[in-house]
């Protein structure tokens, strides 16, 4: 029987490295979303340049500190300053 690697919550979905909130690189981790719900994390060294650029643009334009769940429980993010 084939064994699969289970990635526990708070670990990179590609390399399984643990994400610690107080780590020096914790702000550079990306959260993967599917239909507005978090489904995984990406360690900075596992991100492609495109994924990193997308995260930088979103961090500059979206206010992640003030998310609001919608009726279905998906997180909605407002623009910075709006």
C-alpha atoms as a PDB file:
ATOM      1  CA  UNK A   1       0.000   0.000   0.000  1.00  0.00           C
ATOM      2  CA  UNK A   2       1.344   3.434  -0.947  1.00  0.00           C
ATOM      3  CA  UNK A   3       2.072   5.870   1.836  1.00  0.00           C
ATOM      4  CA  UNK A   4       1.364   9.542   1.479  1.00  0.00           C
ATOM      5  CA  UNK A   5       2.983  12.350   3.389  1.00  0.00           C
ATOM      6  CA  UNK A   6       0.456  14.192   5.525  1.00  0.00           C
ATOM      7  CA  UNK A   7       1.242  17.855   6.051  1.00  0.00           C
ATOM      8  CA  UNK A   8      -0.101  19.067   9.389  1.00  0.00           C
ATOM      9  CA  UNK A   9      -1.565  22.579   9.675  1.00  0.00           C
ATOM     10  CA  UNK A  10       1.125  25.242  10.047  1.00  0.00           C
ATOM     11  CA  UNK A  11       3.601  23.455   7.782  1.00  0.00           C
ATOM     12  CA  UNK A  12       4.751  24.208   4.234  1.00  0.00           C
ATOM     13  CA  UNK A  13       2.665  22.298   1.698  1.00  0.00           C
ATOM     14  CA  UNK A  14       5.788  21.664  -0.403  1.00  0.00           C
ATOM     15  CA  UNK A  15       8.620  20.886   2.016  1.00  0.00           C
ATOM     16  CA  UNK A  16       6.707  20.292   5.305  1.00  0.00           C
ATOM     17  CA  UNK A  17       8.832  22.835   7.222  1.00  0.00           C
ATOM     18  CA  UNK A  18       7.021  24.111  10.336  1.00  0.00           C
ATOM     19  CA  UNK A  19       5.859  27.727  10.409  1.00  0.00           C
ATOM     20  CA  UNK A  20       6.515  29.431  13.750  1.00  0.00           C
ATOM     21  CA  UNK A  21       4.833  32.777  14.432  1.00  0.00           C
ATOM     22  CA  UNK A  22       7.910  34.170  16.210  1.00  0.00           C
ATOM     23  CA  UNK A  23      10.430  33.058  13.543  1.00  0.00           C
ATOM     24  CA  UNK A  24      12.506  35.672  11.722  1.00  0.00           C
ATOM     25  CA  UNK A  25      10.985  34.729   8.352  1.00  0.00           C
ATOM     26  CA  UNK A  26       7.357  34.291   9.484  1.00  0.00           C
ATOM     27  CA  UNK A  27       6.202  37.467   7.696  1.00  0.00           C
ATOM     28  CA  UNK A  28       7.471  36.116   4.361  1.00  0.00           C
ATOM     29  CA  UNK A  29       5.427  32.898   4.464  1.00  0.00           C
ATOM     30  CA  UNK A  30       2.473  32.840   2.057  1.00  0.00           C
ATOM     31  CA  UNK A  31      -0.920  31.405   2.909  1.00  0.00           C
ATOM     32  CA  UNK A  32      -2.593  29.441   0.128  1.00  0.00           C
ATOM     33  CA  UNK A  33      -6.334  30.021  -0.238  1.00  0.00           C
ATOM     34  CA  UNK A  34      -8.997  28.051  -2.070  1.00  0.00           C
ATOM     35  CA  UNK A  35     -12.424  29.655  -2.448  1.00  0.00           C
ATOM     36  CA  UNK A  36     -11.576  32.163   0.285  1.00  0.00           C
ATOM     37  CA  UNK A  37     -10.442  29.590   2.831  1.00  0.00           C
ATOM     38  CA  UNK A  38      -6.835  28.936   3.911  1.00  0.00           C
ATOM     39  CA  UNK A  39      -5.675  25.526   2.727  1.00  0.00           C
ATOM     40  CA  UNK A  40      -1.916  25.661   3.175  1.00  0.00           C
ATOM     41  CA  UNK A  41       1.291  27.593   3.734  1.00  0.00           C
ATOM     42  CA  UNK A  42       4.359  28.210   1.583  1.00  0.00           C
ATOM     43  CA  UNK A  43       7.849  28.540   3.063  1.00  0.00           C
ATOM     44  CA  UNK A  44       9.661  31.510   1.449  1.00  0.00           C
ATOM     45  CA  UNK A  45      12.311  29.308  -0.197  1.00  0.00           C
ATOM     46  CA  UNK A  46       9.582  27.109  -1.733  1.00  0.00           C
ATOM     47  CA  UNK A  47       7.817  30.052  -3.403  1.00  0.00           C
ATOM     48  CA  UNK A  48       8.350  30.719  -7.081  1.00  0.00           C
ATOM     49  CA  UNK A  49       9.392  34.265  -8.058  1.00  0.00           C
ATOM     50  CA  UNK A  50       5.867  34.778  -9.430  1.00  0.00           C
ATOM     51  CA  UNK A  51       4.246  33.687  -6.157  1.00  0.00           C
ATOM     52  CA  UNK A  52       6.567  35.960  -4.203  1.00  0.00           C
ATOM     53  CA  UNK A  53       5.816  38.956  -6.470  1.00  0.00           C
ATOM     54  CA  UNK A  54       2.063  38.330  -6.189  1.00  0.00           C
ATOM     55  CA  UNK A  55       2.334  38.225  -2.387  1.00  0.00           C
ATOM     56  CA  UNK A  56       4.302  41.486  -2.299  1.00  0.00           C
ATOM     57  CA  UNK A  57       1.697  43.268  -4.456  1.00  0.00           C
ATOM     58  CA  UNK A  58      -1.172  41.959  -2.341  1.00  0.00           C
ATOM     59  CA  UNK A  59       0.593  42.888   0.900  1.00  0.00           C
ATOM     60  CA  UNK A  60       1.006  46.461  -0.369  1.00  0.00           C
ATOM     61  CA  UNK A  61      -2.577  46.847  -1.591  1.00  0.00           C
ATOM     62  CA  UNK A  62      -4.736  44.744   0.755  1.00  0.00           C
ATOM     63  CA  UNK A  63      -5.381  45.206   4.485  1.00  0.00           C
ATOM     64  CA  UNK A  64      -4.897  41.695   5.880  1.00  0.00           C
ATOM     65  CA  UNK A  65      -5.107  42.952   9.474  1.00  0.00           C
ATOM     66  CA  UNK A  66      -8.838  43.641   9.131  1.00  0.00           C
ATOM     67  CA  UNK A  67     -10.480  40.695   7.379  1.00  0.00           C
ATOM     68  CA  UNK A  68     -14.204  40.027   7.724  1.00  0.00           C
ATOM     69  CA  UNK A  69     -15.858  36.646   7.131  1.00  0.00           C
ATOM     70  CA  UNK A  70     -18.760  36.542   4.689  1.00  0.00           C
ATOM     71  CA  UNK A  71     -21.925  34.451   5.080  1.00  0.00           C
ATOM     72  CA  UNK A  72     -20.093  31.307   3.889  1.00  0.00           C
ATOM     73  CA  UNK A  73     -17.130  31.829   6.254  1.00  0.00           C
ATOM     74  CA  UNK A  74     -14.715  33.030   3.558  1.00  0.00           C
ATOM     75  CA  UNK A  75     -12.402  35.865   4.554  1.00  0.00           C
ATOM     76  CA  UNK A  76     -12.945  39.131   2.708  1.00  0.00           C
ATOM     77  CA  UNK A  77     -10.075  41.599   2.557  1.00  0.00           C
ATOM     78  CA  UNK A  78     -10.497  45.338   2.000  1.00  0.00           C
ATOM     79  CA  UNK A  79      -8.030  47.540   0.110  1.00  0.00           C
ATOM     80  CA  UNK A  80      -5.442  49.416   2.180  1.00  0.00           C
ATOM     81  CA  UNK A  81      -6.949  52.692   3.349  1.00  0.00           C
ATOM     82  CA  UNK A  82     -10.455  51.639   2.348  1.00  0.00           C
END
